[in-house]
C-alpha atoms as a PDB file:
ATOM      1  CA  MET A   1      24.574  -2.817  -4.632  1.00  0.00           C
ATOM      2  CA  ALA A   2      22.822  -5.918  -5.983  1.00  0.00           C
ATOM      3  CA  SER A   3      19.875  -5.287  -8.246  1.00  0.00           C
ATOM      4  CA  LYS A   4      16.411  -6.400  -7.252  1.00  0.00           C
ATOM      5  CA  PRO A   5      15.220  -9.527  -9.033  1.00  0.00           C
ATOM      6  CA  PRO A   6      12.268  -9.028 -11.367  1.00  0.00           C
ATOM      7  CA  THR A   7       8.781  -9.376  -9.959  1.00  0.00           C
ATOM      8  CA  VAL A   8       7.077 -12.298 -11.658  1.00  0.00           C
ATOM      9  CA  VAL A   9       3.314 -12.785 -11.445  1.00  0.00           C
ATOM     10  CA  ASP A  10       1.328 -15.624 -12.986  1.00  0.00           C
ATOM     11  CA  LEU A  11      -2.452 -15.578 -13.380  1.00  0.00           C
ATOM     12  CA  SER A  12      -4.642 -18.536 -14.275  1.00  0.00           C
ATOM     13  CA  TRP A  13      -8.234 -17.923 -15.248  1.00  0.00           C
ATOM     14  CA  THR A  14     -10.536 -20.017 -13.058  1.00  0.00           C
ATOM     15  CA  ALA A  15     -14.079 -18.815 -13.898  1.00  0.00           C
ATOM     16  CA  GLY A  16     -16.018 -15.656 -14.731  1.00  0.00           C
ATOM     17  CA  LEU A  17     -13.588 -12.798 -14.163  1.00  0.00           C
ATOM     18  CA  GLN A  18     -11.663 -14.718 -11.483  1.00  0.00           C
ATOM     19  CA  PHE A  19      -7.982 -15.541 -11.590  1.00  0.00           C
ATOM     20  CA  ALA A  20      -5.665 -17.510  -9.327  1.00  0.00           C
ATOM     21  CA  ALA A  21      -2.607 -15.305  -8.986  1.00  0.00           C
ATOM     22  CA  THR A  22       0.803 -16.327  -7.696  1.00  0.00           C
ATOM     23  CA  SER A  23       4.108 -14.537  -7.487  1.00  0.00           C
ATOM     24  CA  ASN A  24       7.789 -15.316  -6.930  1.00  0.00           C
ATOM     25  CA  SER A  25       7.384 -17.202  -3.658  1.00  0.00           C
ATOM     26  CA  ALA A  26       5.115 -20.116  -2.874  1.00  0.00           C
ATOM     27  CA  ASN A  27       3.461 -18.150  -0.055  1.00  0.00           C
ATOM     28  CA  SER A  28       2.256 -15.305  -2.258  1.00  0.00           C
ATOM     29  CA  ALA A  29      -1.052 -16.357  -3.743  1.00  0.00           C
ATOM     30  CA  ILE A  30      -4.307 -14.445  -4.093  1.00  0.00           C
ATOM     31  CA  THR A  31      -7.582 -14.703  -5.966  1.00  0.00           C
ATOM     32  CA  ILE A  32      -8.219 -11.617  -8.088  1.00  0.00           C
ATOM     33  CA  ASP A  33     -11.819 -11.093  -9.180  1.00  0.00           C
ATOM     34  CA  GLY A  34     -12.760  -8.509 -11.797  1.00  0.00           C
ATOM     35  CA  ASP A  35     -16.202  -8.365 -10.156  1.00  0.00           C
ATOM     36  CA  GLY A  36     -14.738  -8.106  -6.628  1.00  0.00           C
ATOM     37  CA  LYS A  37     -16.975 -10.911  -5.309  1.00  0.00           C
ATOM     38  CA  ILE A  38     -14.653 -13.715  -4.150  1.00  0.00           C
ATOM     39  CA  GLY A  39     -11.460 -11.676  -3.986  1.00  0.00           C
ATOM     40  CA  PRO A  40     -10.228  -8.136  -4.455  1.00  0.00           C
ATOM     41  CA  SER A  41     -10.614  -6.567  -7.876  1.00  0.00           C
ATOM     42  CA  PRO A  42      -7.477  -5.514  -9.750  1.00  0.00           C
ATOM     43  CA  VAL A  43      -8.006  -1.903  -8.645  1.00  0.00           C
ATOM     44  CA  GLN A  44      -8.566  -2.933  -5.013  1.00  0.00           C
ATOM     45  CA  THR A  45      -5.371  -4.980  -5.254  1.00  0.00           C
ATOM     46  CA  LEU A  46      -3.533  -1.849  -6.404  1.00  0.00           C
ATOM     47  CA  ALA A  47      -4.921   0.071  -3.416  1.00  0.00           C
ATOM     48  CA  PHE A  48      -3.808  -2.734  -1.069  1.00  0.00           C
ATOM     49  CA  ALA A  49      -0.359  -2.576  -2.669  1.00  0.00           C
ATOM     50  CA  LEU A  50       0.023   1.175  -2.144  1.00  0.00           C
ATOM     51  CA  ALA A  51      -1.211   1.135   1.458  1.00  0.00           C
ATOM     52  CA  GLY A  52       0.877  -1.956   2.223  1.00  0.00           C
ATOM     53  CA  CYS A  53       4.019  -0.544   0.653  1.00  0.00           C
ATOM     54  CA  MET A  54       3.868   2.687   2.616  1.00  0.00           C
ATOM     55  CA  ALA A  55       2.806   0.952   5.847  1.00  0.00           C
ATOM     56  CA  ALA A  56       5.749  -1.466   5.583  1.00  0.00           C
ATOM     57  CA  ASP A  57       8.153   1.423   4.968  1.00  0.00           C
ATOM     58  CA  ILE A  58       6.804   3.344   7.968  1.00  0.00           C
ATOM     59  CA  VAL A  59       7.002   0.336  10.308  1.00  0.00           C
ATOM     60  CA  HIS A  60      10.544  -0.391   9.097  1.00  0.00           C
ATOM     61  CA  LEU A  61      11.704   3.206   9.565  1.00  0.00           C
ATOM     62  CA  LEU A  62      10.087   3.661  12.987  1.00  0.00           C
ATOM     63  CA  THR A  63      11.348   0.363  14.394  1.00  0.00           C
ATOM     64  CA  LYS A  64      14.808   0.985  12.906  1.00  0.00           C
ATOM     65  CA  GLY A  65      14.748   4.320  14.754  1.00  0.00           C
ATOM     66  CA  ARG A  66      13.939   2.373  17.953  1.00  0.00           C
ATOM     67  CA  HIS A  67      10.602   4.120  18.454  1.00  0.00           C
ATOM     68  CA  PRO A  68       8.158   2.183  20.677  1.00  0.00           C
ATOM     69  CA  LEU A  69       5.640   1.384  17.942  1.00  0.00           C
ATOM     70  CA  ARG A  70       2.819  -0.839  19.232  1.00  0.00           C
ATOM     71  CA  ALA A  71       0.463  -0.819  16.243  1.00  0.00           C
ATOM     72  CA  LEU A  72      -0.055   0.804  12.863  1.00  0.00           C
ATOM     73  CA  ARG A  73      -3.224   0.927  10.787  1.00  0.00           C
ATOM     74  CA  ALA A  74      -3.694   2.383   7.324  1.00  0.00           C
ATOM     75  CA  HIS A  75      -6.981   3.588   5.815  1.00  0.00           C
ATOM     76  CA  LEU A  76      -6.993   4.401   2.091  1.00  0.00           C
ATOM     77  CA  VAL A  77      -9.784   6.085   0.135  1.00  0.00           C
ATOM     78  CA  ALA A  78      -9.246   6.492  -3.604  1.00  0.00           C
ATOM     79  CA  ASP A  79     -11.477   8.434  -5.971  1.00  0.00           C
ATOM     80  CA  ARG A  80     -11.651   7.162  -9.531  1.00  0.00           C
ATOM     81  CA  ALA A  81     -12.233   8.920 -12.850  1.00  0.00           C
ATOM     82  CA  GLN A  82     -15.819   8.772 -14.068  1.00  0.00           C
ATOM     83  CA  ASP A  83     -14.754   7.876 -17.616  1.00  0.00           C
ATOM     84  CA  ASP A  84     -12.707   4.944 -18.871  1.00  0.00           C
ATOM     85  CA  PRO A  85     -10.208   3.823 -17.765  1.00  0.00           C
ATOM     86  CA  HIS A  86     -11.603   4.794 -14.316  1.00  0.00           C
ATOM     87  CA  ARG A  87      -8.093   5.312 -12.973  1.00  0.00           C
ATOM     88  CA  PHE A  88      -7.256   6.691  -9.549  1.00  0.00           C
ATOM     89  CA  VAL A  89      -7.353  10.488  -9.636  1.00  0.00           C
ATOM     90  CA  ARG A  90      -7.196  11.216  -5.888  1.00  0.00           C
ATOM     91  CA  ILE A  91      -5.893   9.104  -3.027  1.00  0.00           C
ATOM     92  CA  ALA A  92      -6.149   9.863   0.683  1.00  0.00           C
ATOM     93  CA  LEU A  93      -4.106   7.604   2.955  1.00  0.00           C
ATOM     94  CA  HIS A  94      -4.422   7.963   6.728  1.00  0.00           C
ATOM     95  CA  PHE A  95      -2.167   6.209   9.215  1.00  0.00           C
ATOM     96  CA  THR A  96      -3.000   5.587  12.857  1.00  0.00           C
ATOM     97  CA  VAL A  97       0.112   4.952  14.910  1.00  0.00           C
ATOM     98  CA  GLU A  98      -0.073   3.563  18.437  1.00  0.00           C
ATOM     99  CA  GLY A  99       2.769   4.023  20.860  1.00  0.00           C
ATOM    100  CA  ALA A 100       4.883   6.786  22.325  1.00  0.00           C
ATOM    101  CA  VAL A 101       6.204   7.706  18.889  1.00  0.00           C
ATOM    102  CA  PRO A 102       7.069  11.360  18.259  1.00  0.00           C
ATOM    103  CA  ALA A 103       4.855  12.933  15.598  1.00  0.00           C
ATOM    104  CA  ALA A 104       7.979  14.283  13.870  1.00  0.00           C
ATOM    105  CA  ALA A 105       9.298  10.718  13.454  1.00  0.00           C
ATOM    106  CA  VAL A 106       6.019   9.571  11.896  1.00  0.00           C
ATOM    107  CA  GLU A 107       5.940  12.579   9.590  1.00  0.00           C
ATOM    108  CA  ARG A 108       9.535  11.896   8.507  1.00  0.00           C
ATOM    109  CA  ALA A 109       8.823   8.187   7.896  1.00  0.00           C
ATOM    110  CA  ILE A 110       5.775   9.015   5.749  1.00  0.00           C
ATOM    111  CA  SER A 111       7.784  11.580   3.805  1.00  0.00           C
ATOM    112  CA  LEU A 112      10.678   9.156   3.198  1.00  0.00           C
ATOM    113  CA  SER A 113       8.269   6.450   2.066  1.00  0.00           C
ATOM    114  CA  ARG A 114       6.462   8.762  -0.321  1.00  0.00           C
ATOM    115  CA  ASP A 115       9.493  10.586  -1.689  1.00  0.00           C
ATOM    116  CA  LYS A 116      12.092   7.811  -1.783  1.00  0.00           C
ATOM    117  CA  TYR A 117      11.169   4.257  -0.826  1.00  0.00           C
ATOM    118  CA  CYS A 118       7.621   3.264  -1.839  1.00  0.00           C
ATOM    119  CA  SER A 119       8.079   1.550  -5.188  1.00  0.00           C
ATOM    120  CA  VAL A 120       4.307   1.197  -5.637  1.00  0.00           C
ATOM    121  CA  TRP A 121       3.714   4.960  -5.384  1.00  0.00           C
ATOM    122  CA  HIS A 122       6.617   5.614  -7.751  1.00  0.00           C
ATOM    123  CA  SER A 123       5.119   3.140 -10.238  1.00  0.00           C
ATOM    124  CA  LEU A 124       1.855   5.107 -10.410  1.00  0.00           C
ATOM    125  CA  ARG A 125       1.120   8.258 -12.382  1.00  0.00           C
ATOM    126  CA  GLN A 126       2.506  11.210 -10.494  1.00  0.00           C
ATOM    127  CA  ASP A 127      -0.405  13.465 -11.482  1.00  0.00           C
ATOM    128  CA  ILE A 128      -2.630  11.643  -8.967  1.00  0.00           C
ATOM    129  CA  THR A 129      -3.538  13.897  -6.060  1.00  0.00           C
ATOM    130  CA  PHE A 130      -2.072  12.031  -3.098  1.00  0.00           C
ATOM    131  CA  GLU A 131      -2.704  13.175   0.456  1.00  0.00           C
ATOM    132  CA  THR A 132      -1.246  11.471   3.512  1.00  0.00           C
ATOM    133  CA  THR A 133      -2.310  12.174   7.083  1.00  0.00           C
ATOM    134  CA  PHE A 134      -1.618  10.538  10.410  1.00  0.00           C
ATOM    135  CA  GLU A 135      -2.461  10.509  14.062  1.00  0.00           C
ATOM    136  CA  VAL A 136      -0.490   9.154  16.994  1.00  0.00           C
ATOM    137  CA  SER A 137      -2.299   7.692  19.954  1.00  0.00           C
ATOM    138  CA  PRO A 138      -0.293   6.632  22.988  1.00  0.00           C
ATOM    139  CA  ALA A 139      -0.508   2.982  23.862  1.00  0.00           C
ATOM    140  CA  PRO A 140      -2.851   2.117  26.753  1.00  0.00           C
END
């Protein structure tokens, strides 16, 4: 099995607490703003990464299983410590799945993402309280 190439990120300070950030490919650019005014803050970017990682895993697993997935939405709420470094201490991630997808398949996909595949979750401290929930609504 070939190893994954390293993730390379470059930031260039533009003004205030704002940075132009790029990664390995030319299409991966974002403005990160420490004040969260013209782009997501570093912590918001981390939340996007976790929700995106798990959502991508779930879509991949459900479509690979040939389930009729029509849409998937993720809603993340993260509580932060009151004292520095204000890290995440509790994360609640809710998925809304549209389509005639069996609840057991969604539950299994979430479990596989959390326990095996989501590299973002496995890069975070494992003492964070992390709750995942989901609902399935049939497509209209």
